[in-house]
Amino acid sequence: MRLYLRAQVEERALLVWGSEERLLQERAAREQRRERAQTAAARRRLTALRMAVRSSLYDGTHAQHDHRYGEESYDAETDQYTRACADCGHTQTYEKM
C-alpha cells in the first residue's frame, strides 16, 4: 500500500490538468458521468422490478418465427432471386449457384 501526502496529490493533479480551472471542470464532468450512470442503473433495476412484479404480463420467451416463403422472383439485372414470407413480409434475397 502506498500513502501520499495531500500536497503531492494536488501537485500531480495540477501537473496533469494544467490549471486549477481545468481540474475543476474535470471534477464536474466526472460527477455528471457518475450521476448519469447511477440514473441508468436505477432505471434498469426499476425495469427489472416491474417485469418481476408483472411477470404474468411479460412473456420472457422469444419464440422464433418460421417463415413461410411464397414464390421466388428472379432479377436478371442483379442476378439475384427474391422471395417474401407470407406471414410477416420479410424478404430474402439470394443467388443460386
C-alpha atoms as a PDB file:
ATOM      1  CA  MET A   1       0.000   0.000   0.000  1.00  0.00           C
ATOM      2  CA  ARG A   2       1.220   3.472  -0.785  1.00  0.00           C
ATOM      3  CA  LEU A   3       0.240   6.595   1.056  1.00  0.00           C
ATOM      4  CA  TYR A   4       0.575  10.040  -0.475  1.00  0.00           C
ATOM      5  CA  LEU A   5       0.511  13.457   1.091  1.00  0.00           C
ATOM      6  CA  ARG A   6      -2.409  15.626   0.004  1.00  0.00           C
ATOM      7  CA  ALA A   7       0.062  18.247  -1.267  1.00  0.00           C
ATOM      8  CA  GLN A   8       1.708  15.631  -3.512  1.00  0.00           C
ATOM      9  CA  VAL A   9      -1.655  14.582  -4.952  1.00  0.00           C
ATOM     10  CA  GLU A  10      -2.681  18.193  -5.600  1.00  0.00           C
ATOM     11  CA  GLU A  11       0.676  18.925  -7.231  1.00  0.00           C
ATOM     12  CA  ARG A  12       0.314  15.905  -9.538  1.00  0.00           C
ATOM     13  CA  ALA A  13      -3.280  16.851 -10.423  1.00  0.00           C
ATOM     14  CA  LEU A  14      -2.161  20.342 -11.419  1.00  0.00           C
ATOM     15  CA  LEU A  15       0.629  18.837 -13.492  1.00  0.00           C
ATOM     16  CA  VAL A  16      -1.786  16.516 -15.313  1.00  0.00           C
ATOM     17  CA  TRP A  17      -4.630  19.010 -15.886  1.00  0.00           C
ATOM     18  CA  GLY A  18      -2.539  22.131 -16.300  1.00  0.00           C
ATOM     19  CA  SER A  19      -4.586  24.560 -14.260  1.00  0.00           C
ATOM     20  CA  GLU A  20      -6.965  24.756 -11.332  1.00  0.00           C
ATOM     21  CA  GLU A  21      -9.824  25.658 -13.662  1.00  0.00           C
ATOM     22  CA  ARG A  22      -9.373  22.591 -15.879  1.00  0.00           C
ATOM     23  CA  LEU A  23      -9.109  20.416 -12.781  1.00  0.00           C
ATOM     24  CA  LEU A  24     -12.461  21.734 -11.536  1.00  0.00           C
ATOM     25  CA  GLN A  25     -14.002  21.185 -14.986  1.00  0.00           C
ATOM     26  CA  GLU A  26     -12.815  17.568 -14.978  1.00  0.00           C
ATOM     27  CA  ARG A  27     -14.236  17.002 -11.496  1.00  0.00           C
ATOM     28  CA  ALA A  28     -17.600  18.396 -12.616  1.00  0.00           C
ATOM     29  CA  ALA A  29     -17.576  16.237 -15.750  1.00  0.00           C
ATOM     30  CA  ARG A  30     -16.790  13.120 -13.709  1.00  0.00           C
ATOM     31  CA  GLU A  31     -19.595  13.942 -11.287  1.00  0.00           C
ATOM     32  CA  GLN A  32     -22.034  14.291 -14.190  1.00  0.00           C
ATOM     33  CA  ARG A  33     -20.924  10.947 -15.659  1.00  0.00           C
ATOM     34  CA  ARG A  34     -21.310   9.318 -12.238  1.00  0.00           C
ATOM     35  CA  GLU A  35     -24.830  10.737 -11.852  1.00  0.00           C
ATOM     36  CA  ARG A  36     -25.826   9.569 -15.350  1.00  0.00           C
ATOM     37  CA  ALA A  37     -24.502   6.080 -14.618  1.00  0.00           C
ATOM     38  CA  GLN A  38     -26.406   5.932 -11.333  1.00  0.00           C
ATOM     39  CA  THR A  39     -29.605   7.089 -13.040  1.00  0.00           C
ATOM     40  CA  ALA A  40     -29.228   4.486 -15.784  1.00  0.00           C
ATOM     41  CA  ALA A  41     -28.571   1.743 -13.235  1.00  0.00           C
ATOM     42  CA  ALA A  42     -31.620   2.773 -11.216  1.00  0.00           C
ATOM     43  CA  ARG A  43     -33.716   2.748 -14.394  1.00  0.00           C
ATOM     44  CA  ARG A  44     -32.510  -0.779 -15.253  1.00  0.00           C
ATOM     45  CA  ARG A  45     -33.276  -2.018 -11.737  1.00  0.00           C
ATOM     46  CA  LEU A  46     -36.726  -0.432 -11.857  1.00  0.00           C
ATOM     47  CA  THR A  47     -37.467  -2.045 -15.226  1.00  0.00           C
ATOM     48  CA  ALA A  48     -36.361  -5.435 -13.890  1.00  0.00           C
ATOM     49  CA  LEU A  49     -38.546  -4.961 -10.828  1.00  0.00           C
ATOM     50  CA  ARG A  50     -41.545  -4.038 -12.961  1.00  0.00           C
ATOM     51  CA  MET A  51     -41.039  -7.147 -15.073  1.00  0.00           C
ATOM     52  CA  ALA A  52     -40.751  -9.305 -11.962  1.00  0.00           C
ATOM     53  CA  VAL A  53     -43.913  -7.841 -10.447  1.00  0.00           C
ATOM     54  CA  ARG A  54     -45.881  -8.094 -13.677  1.00  0.00           C
ATOM     55  CA  SER A  55     -44.430 -11.434 -14.699  1.00  0.00           C
ATOM     56  CA  SER A  56     -47.842 -12.666 -15.810  1.00  0.00           C
ATOM     57  CA  LEU A  57     -47.932  -9.852 -18.380  1.00  0.00           C
ATOM     58  CA  TYR A  58     -44.349 -10.305 -19.565  1.00  0.00           C
ATOM     59  CA  ASP A  59     -43.536 -13.220 -21.820  1.00  0.00           C
ATOM     60  CA  GLY A  60     -39.817 -13.883 -21.487  1.00  0.00           C
ATOM     61  CA  THR A  61     -39.730 -16.394 -24.308  1.00  0.00           C
ATOM     62  CA  HIS A  62     -38.733 -15.152 -27.689  1.00  0.00           C
ATOM     63  CA  ALA A  63     -40.205 -17.795 -29.937  1.00  0.00           C
ATOM     64  CA  GLN A  64     -38.645 -17.834 -33.340  1.00  0.00           C
ATOM     65  CA  HIS A  65     -40.927 -17.239 -36.287  1.00  0.00           C
ATOM     66  CA  ASP A  66     -40.791 -19.899 -39.003  1.00  0.00           C
ATOM     67  CA  HIS A  67     -41.054 -18.125 -42.334  1.00  0.00           C
ATOM     68  CA  ARG A  68     -43.401 -19.468 -44.990  1.00  0.00           C
ATOM     69  CA  TYR A  69     -41.933 -18.172 -48.229  1.00  0.00           C
ATOM     70  CA  GLY A  70     -44.001 -17.809 -51.370  1.00  0.00           C
ATOM     71  CA  GLU A  71     -42.812 -17.967 -54.951  1.00  0.00           C
ATOM     72  CA  GLU A  72     -39.371 -16.656 -55.793  1.00  0.00           C
ATOM     73  CA  SER A  73     -38.764 -13.979 -58.395  1.00  0.00           C
ATOM     74  CA  TYR A  74     -35.610 -13.589 -60.471  1.00  0.00           C
ATOM     75  CA  ASP A  75     -33.985 -10.230 -61.227  1.00  0.00           C
ATOM     76  CA  ALA A  76     -31.791 -10.663 -64.309  1.00  0.00           C
ATOM     77  CA  GLU A  77     -30.166  -7.241 -63.846  1.00  0.00           C
ATOM     78  CA  THR A  78     -28.630  -8.116 -60.463  1.00  0.00           C
ATOM     79  CA  ASP A  79     -28.652 -11.923 -60.987  1.00  0.00           C
ATOM     80  CA  GLN A  80     -30.465 -12.438 -57.677  1.00  0.00           C
ATOM     81  CA  TYR A  81     -33.565 -14.248 -56.533  1.00  0.00           C
ATOM     82  CA  THR A  82     -36.032 -12.755 -54.043  1.00  0.00           C
ATOM     83  CA  ARG A  83     -38.822 -14.337 -52.042  1.00  0.00           C
ATOM     84  CA  ALA A  84     -41.134 -12.981 -49.341  1.00  0.00           C
ATOM     85  CA  CYS A  85     -42.657 -14.518 -46.213  1.00  0.00           C
ATOM     86  CA  ALA A  86     -46.430 -14.854 -46.419  1.00  0.00           C
ATOM     87  CA  ASP A  87     -46.894 -14.108 -42.687  1.00  0.00           C
ATOM     88  CA  CYS A  88     -44.584 -11.212 -41.831  1.00  0.00           C
ATOM     89  CA  GLY A  89     -43.476  -9.826 -45.194  1.00  0.00           C
ATOM     90  CA  HIS A  90     -39.763 -10.490 -44.619  1.00  0.00           C
ATOM     91  CA  THR A  91     -37.906 -10.597 -47.951  1.00  0.00           C
ATOM     92  CA  GLN A  92     -34.912 -12.788 -48.602  1.00  0.00           C
ATOM     93  CA  THR A  93     -32.515 -12.029 -51.446  1.00  0.00           C
ATOM     94  CA  TYR A  94     -30.050 -14.665 -52.583  1.00  0.00           C
ATOM     95  CA  GLU A  95     -28.068 -16.053 -55.511  1.00  0.00           C
ATOM     96  CA  LYS A  96     -28.243 -19.582 -56.843  1.00  0.00           C
ATOM     97  CA  MET A  97     -25.028 -21.346 -57.651  1.00  0.00           C
END
